[in-house]
Each structure stands twice: as structure tokens, then as C-alpha cells.
Amino acid sequence: MKLERDIETFINLVIPTSLLGDNRLTFLERLLLINILSLCKKKGYCWATNEYFKNLFSVSKQTISKSVSSLSKYGYIVLEYDKKEKNNSKRVIRLSEVLKNQILGIKNNLNTSIQENFKQYNKNNIKRNNIGPIISKDVDGVELWNGKRVESEPMSEDEKKYLESLLSSF
């Protein structure tokens, strides 16, 4: 018997912290903008209606309308209307150039810093950067820690007493 499941999709988004910390926006407006970011991810725009957002967030159409207007007013999105349609029913929502540039800057910095931070772990760089494994074995099979032999020594009497006192407490 095959079970069918609804598979949730994972959306990889870059969200500027300035957006999350913008106290001019309500929490709904922040969530709405994050949703718009995900819808605009592929083409740079979306045409989601207020009805769609109303159903998604379980709020009134008026609340969504105010939230969309607020996002436009604060320069996060740009609204374009098709004047040929009645009641402006054909609306396109685009990310503002400022928001696009913020996101691009974050992505570029993120990619650069990841490449720089992990360059030392690249197997091809081990010889060039003189980076070796932390634990290895020498030709005799003795473990090395950072290139130094790890010698095993018997416990001292003080160490034995200390361990016995720890064990007796259990």
C-alpha cells in the first residue's frame, strides 16, 4: 500500500536583517514581505492577489490591502497595475531596486565569505597551506596529535584515588 504525502517545499531565501528589524512594519507585513520574496524569487515579480494573501494569512482583505500599501510606501515593493483591466485586477508586485540590491549584496558577501572560510579545508590546499590532519599515526603505528607522539602512561596513585572517589559517588 502506497501512502501519499504532501511534501512541504523548502524555500531558500536571503532576508536582510534590516527588514526583520524595521519597527515601522507590523509582524504581518514582515511575513507578507517574506512570502512576496519567495514568490518573486524565480522571476523577480509575482502577481498574487489580495484574496490569495487573505486566505494564506487568515485575515481580512482590508488588512492585506493596508499591509501591501505599507510595504509599497516604505519602499520594499513596487506595485504595477494593468490599466486595461477593471478595478486594477491585474497587479504585478516587484521587489524594489533597493531591496534587490540589499539581497544581492548579502548573497555576494555570503558566497565570498564561505569560499574564503573553507579554502583551508580544501583537500588540494593541504600541502600548499601545510595543514595536516590533527590525529594521525606514525610509521610504528603510534598515534600522533598535531604531529607529536601520544605516549600512554600508567595512572598515578593520586589519579586512581580521585577516580575511585568519583565512581563511588554514583
C-alpha atoms as a PDB file:
ATOM      1  CA  MET A   1       0.000   0.000   0.000  1.00  0.00           C
ATOM      2  CA  LYS A   2       1.487   3.325  -1.062  1.00  0.00           C
ATOM      3  CA  LEU A   3       0.972   6.311   1.202  1.00  0.00           C
ATOM      4  CA  GLU A   4       0.834   9.673  -0.487  1.00  0.00           C
ATOM      5  CA  ARG A   5       2.122  12.626   1.476  1.00  0.00           C
ATOM      6  CA  ASP A   6       2.025  16.318   0.956  1.00  0.00           C
ATOM      7  CA  ILE A   7       5.643  17.298   0.702  1.00  0.00           C
ATOM      8  CA  GLU A   8       6.451  20.731   2.091  1.00  0.00           C
ATOM      9  CA  THR A   9       8.832  22.614  -0.108  1.00  0.00           C
ATOM     10  CA  PHE A  10      11.841  24.325   1.377  1.00  0.00           C
ATOM     11  CA  ILE A  11      12.405  27.847   0.164  1.00  0.00           C
ATOM     12  CA  ASN A  12      15.936  29.157   0.385  1.00  0.00           C
ATOM     13  CA  LEU A  13      15.674  32.912   0.952  1.00  0.00           C
ATOM     14  CA  VAL A  14      18.064  35.670   1.867  1.00  0.00           C
ATOM     15  CA  ILE A  15      16.295  38.119   4.154  1.00  0.00           C
ATOM     16  CA  PRO A  16      18.031  41.349   5.171  1.00  0.00           C
ATOM     17  CA  THR A  17      18.049  41.815   8.945  1.00  0.00           C
ATOM     18  CA  SER A  18      17.006  45.411   8.349  1.00  0.00           C
ATOM     19  CA  LEU A  19      13.672  44.040   7.115  1.00  0.00           C
ATOM     20  CA  LEU A  20      13.159  41.971  10.265  1.00  0.00           C
ATOM     21  CA  GLY A  21      14.149  44.873  12.491  1.00  0.00           C
ATOM     22  CA  ASP A  22      12.107  47.560  10.710  1.00  0.00           C
ATOM     23  CA  ASN A  23       9.752  48.661  13.507  1.00  0.00           C
ATOM     24  CA  ARG A  24       7.583  50.560  11.039  1.00  0.00           C
ATOM     25  CA  LEU A  25       6.312  47.203   9.795  1.00  0.00           C
ATOM     26  CA  THR A  26       3.843  45.013  11.628  1.00  0.00           C
ATOM     27  CA  PHE A  27       4.593  41.333  12.045  1.00  0.00           C
ATOM     28  CA  LEU A  28       2.001  40.549   9.376  1.00  0.00           C
ATOM     29  CA  GLU A  29       3.714  42.948   6.965  1.00  0.00           C
ATOM     30  CA  ARG A  30       7.064  41.258   7.601  1.00  0.00           C
ATOM     31  CA  LEU A  31       5.537  37.820   6.974  1.00  0.00           C
ATOM     32  CA  LEU A  32       3.777  39.143   3.900  1.00  0.00           C
ATOM     33  CA  LEU A  33       7.048  40.546   2.539  1.00  0.00           C
ATOM     34  CA  ILE A  34       8.854  37.266   3.200  1.00  0.00           C
ATOM     35  CA  ASN A  35       6.092  35.487   1.286  1.00  0.00           C
ATOM     36  CA  ILE A  36       6.362  38.011  -1.552  1.00  0.00           C
ATOM     37  CA  LEU A  37      10.153  37.468  -1.593  1.00  0.00           C
ATOM     38  CA  SER A  38       9.600  33.741  -2.036  1.00  0.00           C
ATOM     39  CA  LEU A  39       7.045  34.289  -4.811  1.00  0.00           C
ATOM     40  CA  CYS A  40       9.357  36.749  -6.597  1.00  0.00           C
ATOM     41  CA  LYS A  41      12.415  34.556  -6.244  1.00  0.00           C
ATOM     42  CA  LYS A  42      12.272  32.959  -9.675  1.00  0.00           C
ATOM     43  CA  LYS A  43      11.232  35.830 -11.947  1.00  0.00           C
ATOM     44  CA  GLY A  44      11.686  38.939  -9.787  1.00  0.00           C
ATOM     45  CA  TYR A  45       7.944  39.584  -9.636  1.00  0.00           C
ATOM     46  CA  CYS A  46       4.664  37.925  -8.711  1.00  0.00           C
ATOM     47  CA  TRP A  47       1.008  38.543  -9.392  1.00  0.00           C
ATOM     48  CA  ALA A  48      -0.524  37.218  -6.166  1.00  0.00           C
ATOM     49  CA  THR A  49      -3.836  38.850  -5.325  1.00  0.00           C
ATOM     50  CA  ASN A  50      -5.047  40.239  -2.027  1.00  0.00           C
ATOM     51  CA  GLU A  51      -7.503  37.341  -1.985  1.00  0.00           C
ATOM     52  CA  TYR A  52      -4.598  34.873  -2.113  1.00  0.00           C
ATOM     53  CA  PHE A  53      -2.823  36.587   0.807  1.00  0.00           C
ATOM     54  CA  LYS A  54      -6.096  36.912   2.739  1.00  0.00           C
ATOM     55  CA  ASN A  55      -6.618  33.156   2.575  1.00  0.00           C
ATOM     56  CA  LEU A  56      -2.974  32.406   3.296  1.00  0.00           C
ATOM     57  CA  PHE A  57      -2.804  34.509   6.483  1.00  0.00           C
ATOM     58  CA  SER A  58      -6.480  34.200   7.553  1.00  0.00           C
ATOM     59  CA  VAL A  59      -7.042  37.940   7.794  1.00  0.00           C
ATOM     60  CA  SER A  60      -9.441  40.356   6.121  1.00  0.00           C
ATOM     61  CA  LYS A  61      -8.913  41.654   2.600  1.00  0.00           C
ATOM     62  CA  GLN A  62      -8.739  45.173   4.027  1.00  0.00           C
ATOM     63  CA  THR A  63      -5.875  44.179   6.356  1.00  0.00           C
ATOM     64  CA  ILE A  64      -3.944  42.717   3.416  1.00  0.00           C
ATOM     65  CA  SER A  65      -4.626  45.801   1.316  1.00  0.00           C
ATOM     66  CA  LYS A  66      -3.240  48.056   4.067  1.00  0.00           C
ATOM     67  CA  SER A  67      -0.210  45.804   4.506  1.00  0.00           C
ATOM     68  CA  VAL A  68       0.601  45.742   0.784  1.00  0.00           C
ATOM     69  CA  SER A  69       0.226  49.540   0.647  1.00  0.00           C
ATOM     70  CA  SER A  70       2.529  49.880   3.648  1.00  0.00           C
ATOM     71  CA  LEU A  71       5.220  47.710   2.030  1.00  0.00           C
ATOM     72  CA  SER A  72       4.984  49.863  -1.088  1.00  0.00           C
ATOM     73  CA  LYS A  73       5.064  53.101   0.947  1.00  0.00           C
ATOM     74  CA  TYR A  74       8.244  52.043   2.791  1.00  0.00           C
ATOM     75  CA  GLY A  75       9.968  51.128  -0.479  1.00  0.00           C
ATOM     76  CA  TYR A  76      10.149  47.354  -0.173  1.00  0.00           C
ATOM     77  CA  ILE A  77       7.935  46.583  -3.170  1.00  0.00           C
ATOM     78  CA  VAL A  78       6.735  48.305  -6.326  1.00  0.00           C
ATOM     79  CA  LEU A  79       3.139  47.793  -7.472  1.00  0.00           C
ATOM     80  CA  GLU A  80       2.266  47.901 -11.162  1.00  0.00           C
ATOM     81  CA  TYR A  81      -1.327  47.836 -12.363  1.00  0.00           C
ATOM     82  CA  ASP A  82      -2.712  46.956 -15.780  1.00  0.00           C
ATOM     83  CA  LYS A  83      -4.942  49.916 -16.573  1.00  0.00           C
ATOM     84  CA  LYS A  84      -6.829  47.932 -19.219  1.00  0.00           C
ATOM     85  CA  GLU A  85      -8.416  45.687 -16.611  1.00  0.00           C
ATOM     86  CA  LYS A  86     -11.410  46.677 -14.490  1.00  0.00           C
ATOM     87  CA  ASN A  87     -10.680  47.538 -10.836  1.00  0.00           C
ATOM     88  CA  ASN A  88      -6.932  47.098 -11.382  1.00  0.00           C
ATOM     89  CA  SER A  89      -7.362  43.339 -11.014  1.00  0.00           C
ATOM     90  CA  LYS A  90      -4.108  42.646 -12.873  1.00  0.00           C
ATOM     91  CA  ARG A  91      -1.451  43.682 -10.396  1.00  0.00           C
ATOM     92  CA  VAL A  92       2.220  42.814 -10.562  1.00  0.00           C
ATOM     93  CA  ILE A  93       4.323  43.031  -7.400  1.00  0.00           C
ATOM     94  CA  ARG A  94       8.038  43.621  -7.898  1.00  0.00           C
ATOM     95  CA  LEU A  95      10.810  43.923  -5.351  1.00  0.00           C
ATOM     96  CA  SER A  96      12.186  47.442  -5.131  1.00  0.00           C
ATOM     97  CA  GLU A  97      15.674  48.035  -6.530  1.00  0.00           C
ATOM     98  CA  VAL A  98      16.907  48.915  -3.026  1.00  0.00           C
ATOM     99  CA  LEU A  99      15.701  45.576  -1.619  1.00  0.00           C
ATOM    100  CA  LYS A 100      17.089  43.665  -4.625  1.00  0.00           C
ATOM    101  CA  ASN A 101      20.487  45.318  -4.154  1.00  0.00           C
ATOM    102  CA  GLN A 102      20.471  44.508  -0.412  1.00  0.00           C
ATOM    103  CA  ILE A 103      19.726  40.856  -1.147  1.00  0.00           C
ATOM    104  CA  LEU A 104      22.353  40.690  -3.918  1.00  0.00           C
ATOM    105  CA  GLY A 105      24.939  42.249  -1.594  1.00  0.00           C
ATOM    106  CA  ILE A 106      24.184  39.696   1.116  1.00  0.00           C
ATOM    107  CA  LYS A 107      24.366  36.813  -1.372  1.00  0.00           C
ATOM    108  CA  ASN A 108      27.681  38.036  -2.793  1.00  0.00           C
ATOM    109  CA  ASN A 109      29.210  38.524   0.662  1.00  0.00           C
ATOM    110  CA  LEU A 110      27.888  35.163   1.817  1.00  0.00           C
ATOM    111  CA  ASN A 111      29.349  33.317  -1.172  1.00  0.00           C
ATOM    112  CA  THR A 112      32.699  35.107  -0.832  1.00  0.00           C
ATOM    113  CA  SER A 113      32.990  34.508   2.907  1.00  0.00           C
ATOM    114  CA  ILE A 114      32.070  30.851   2.562  1.00  0.00           C
ATOM    115  CA  GLN A 115      34.710  30.347  -0.101  1.00  0.00           C
ATOM    116  CA  GLU A 116      37.345  32.185   1.962  1.00  0.00           C
ATOM    117  CA  ASN A 117      36.487  30.454   5.246  1.00  0.00           C
ATOM    118  CA  PHE A 118      36.545  26.966   3.801  1.00  0.00           C
ATOM    119  CA  LYS A 119      39.509  27.417   1.486  1.00  0.00           C
ATOM    120  CA  GLN A 120      41.757  25.945   4.196  1.00  0.00           C
ATOM    121  CA  TYR A 121      39.724  22.735   4.236  1.00  0.00           C
ATOM    122  CA  ASN A 122      40.076  22.099   0.532  1.00  0.00           C
ATOM    123  CA  LYS A 123      41.987  18.810   0.119  1.00  0.00           C
ATOM    124  CA  ASN A 124      44.093  20.345  -2.640  1.00  0.00           C
ATOM    125  CA  ASN A 125      45.252  23.125  -0.301  1.00  0.00           C
ATOM    126  CA  ILE A 126      46.522  20.813   2.457  1.00  0.00           C
ATOM    127  CA  LYS A 127      50.033  20.615   1.023  1.00  0.00           C
ATOM    128  CA  ARG A 128      50.159  24.282  -0.008  1.00  0.00           C
ATOM    129  CA  ASN A 129      48.991  25.577   3.375  1.00  0.00           C
ATOM    130  CA  ASN A 130      50.900  22.924   5.342  1.00  0.00           C
ATOM    131  CA  ILE A 131      47.676  21.849   7.018  1.00  0.00           C
ATOM    132  CA  GLY A 132      47.684  18.249   8.096  1.00  0.00           C
ATOM    133  CA  PRO A 133      45.270  16.061   9.943  1.00  0.00           C
ATOM    134  CA  ILE A 134      45.076  16.622  13.710  1.00  0.00           C
ATOM    135  CA  ILE A 135      45.221  12.909  14.568  1.00  0.00           C
ATOM    136  CA  SER A 136      47.410  10.555  12.569  1.00  0.00           C
ATOM    137  CA  LYS A 137      49.736   7.594  13.074  1.00  0.00           C
ATOM    138  CA  ASP A 138      53.450   7.352  12.573  1.00  0.00           C
ATOM    139  CA  VAL A 139      55.301   4.519  10.827  1.00  0.00           C
ATOM    140  CA  ASP A 140      55.313   2.461  14.053  1.00  0.00           C
ATOM    141  CA  GLY A 141      51.526   2.776  14.395  1.00  0.00           C
ATOM    142  CA  VAL A 142      51.717   5.151  17.377  1.00  0.00           C
ATOM    143  CA  GLU A 143      49.070   7.894  17.389  1.00  0.00           C
ATOM    144  CA  LEU A 144      50.218  11.430  16.727  1.00  0.00           C
ATOM    145  CA  TRP A 145      48.368  14.516  17.965  1.00  0.00           C
ATOM    146  CA  ASN A 146      49.256  17.569  15.861  1.00  0.00           C
ATOM    147  CA  GLY A 147      52.403  15.738  14.775  1.00  0.00           C
ATOM    148  CA  LYS A 148      53.549  14.782  18.310  1.00  0.00           C
ATOM    149  CA  ARG A 149      53.574  11.241  19.685  1.00  0.00           C
ATOM    150  CA  VAL A 150      50.863  10.412  22.177  1.00  0.00           C
ATOM    151  CA  GLU A 151      52.502   8.330  24.871  1.00  0.00           C
ATOM    152  CA  SER A 152      50.435   6.260  27.266  1.00  0.00           C
ATOM    153  CA  GLU A 153      51.472   6.383  30.926  1.00  0.00           C
ATOM    154  CA  PRO A 154      50.067   4.469  33.908  1.00  0.00           C
ATOM    155  CA  MET A 155      47.858   6.409  36.321  1.00  0.00           C
ATOM    156  CA  SER A 156      49.433   7.848  39.410  1.00  0.00           C
ATOM    157  CA  GLU A 157      48.131   6.889  42.886  1.00  0.00           C
ATOM    158  CA  ASP A 158      46.500  10.318  43.251  1.00  0.00           C
ATOM    159  CA  GLU A 159      44.672   9.914  39.928  1.00  0.00           C
ATOM    160  CA  LYS A 160      43.433   6.436  40.954  1.00  0.00           C
ATOM    161  CA  LYS A 161      42.092   7.757  44.289  1.00  0.00           C
ATOM    162  CA  TYR A 162      40.374  10.662  42.557  1.00  0.00           C
ATOM    163  CA  LEU A 163      38.670   8.380  40.013  1.00  0.00           C
ATOM    164  CA  GLU A 164      37.597   5.937  42.750  1.00  0.00           C
ATOM    165  CA  SER A 165      36.038   8.807  44.728  1.00  0.00           C
ATOM    166  CA  LEU A 166      34.169   9.968  41.623  1.00  0.00           C
ATOM    167  CA  LEU A 167      32.899   6.453  40.892  1.00  0.00           C
ATOM    168  CA  SER A 168      31.815   5.853  44.489  1.00  0.00           C
ATOM    169  CA  SER A 169      29.540   8.889  44.343  1.00  0.00           C
ATOM    170  CA  PHE A 170      27.453   7.064  41.728  1.00  0.00           C
END
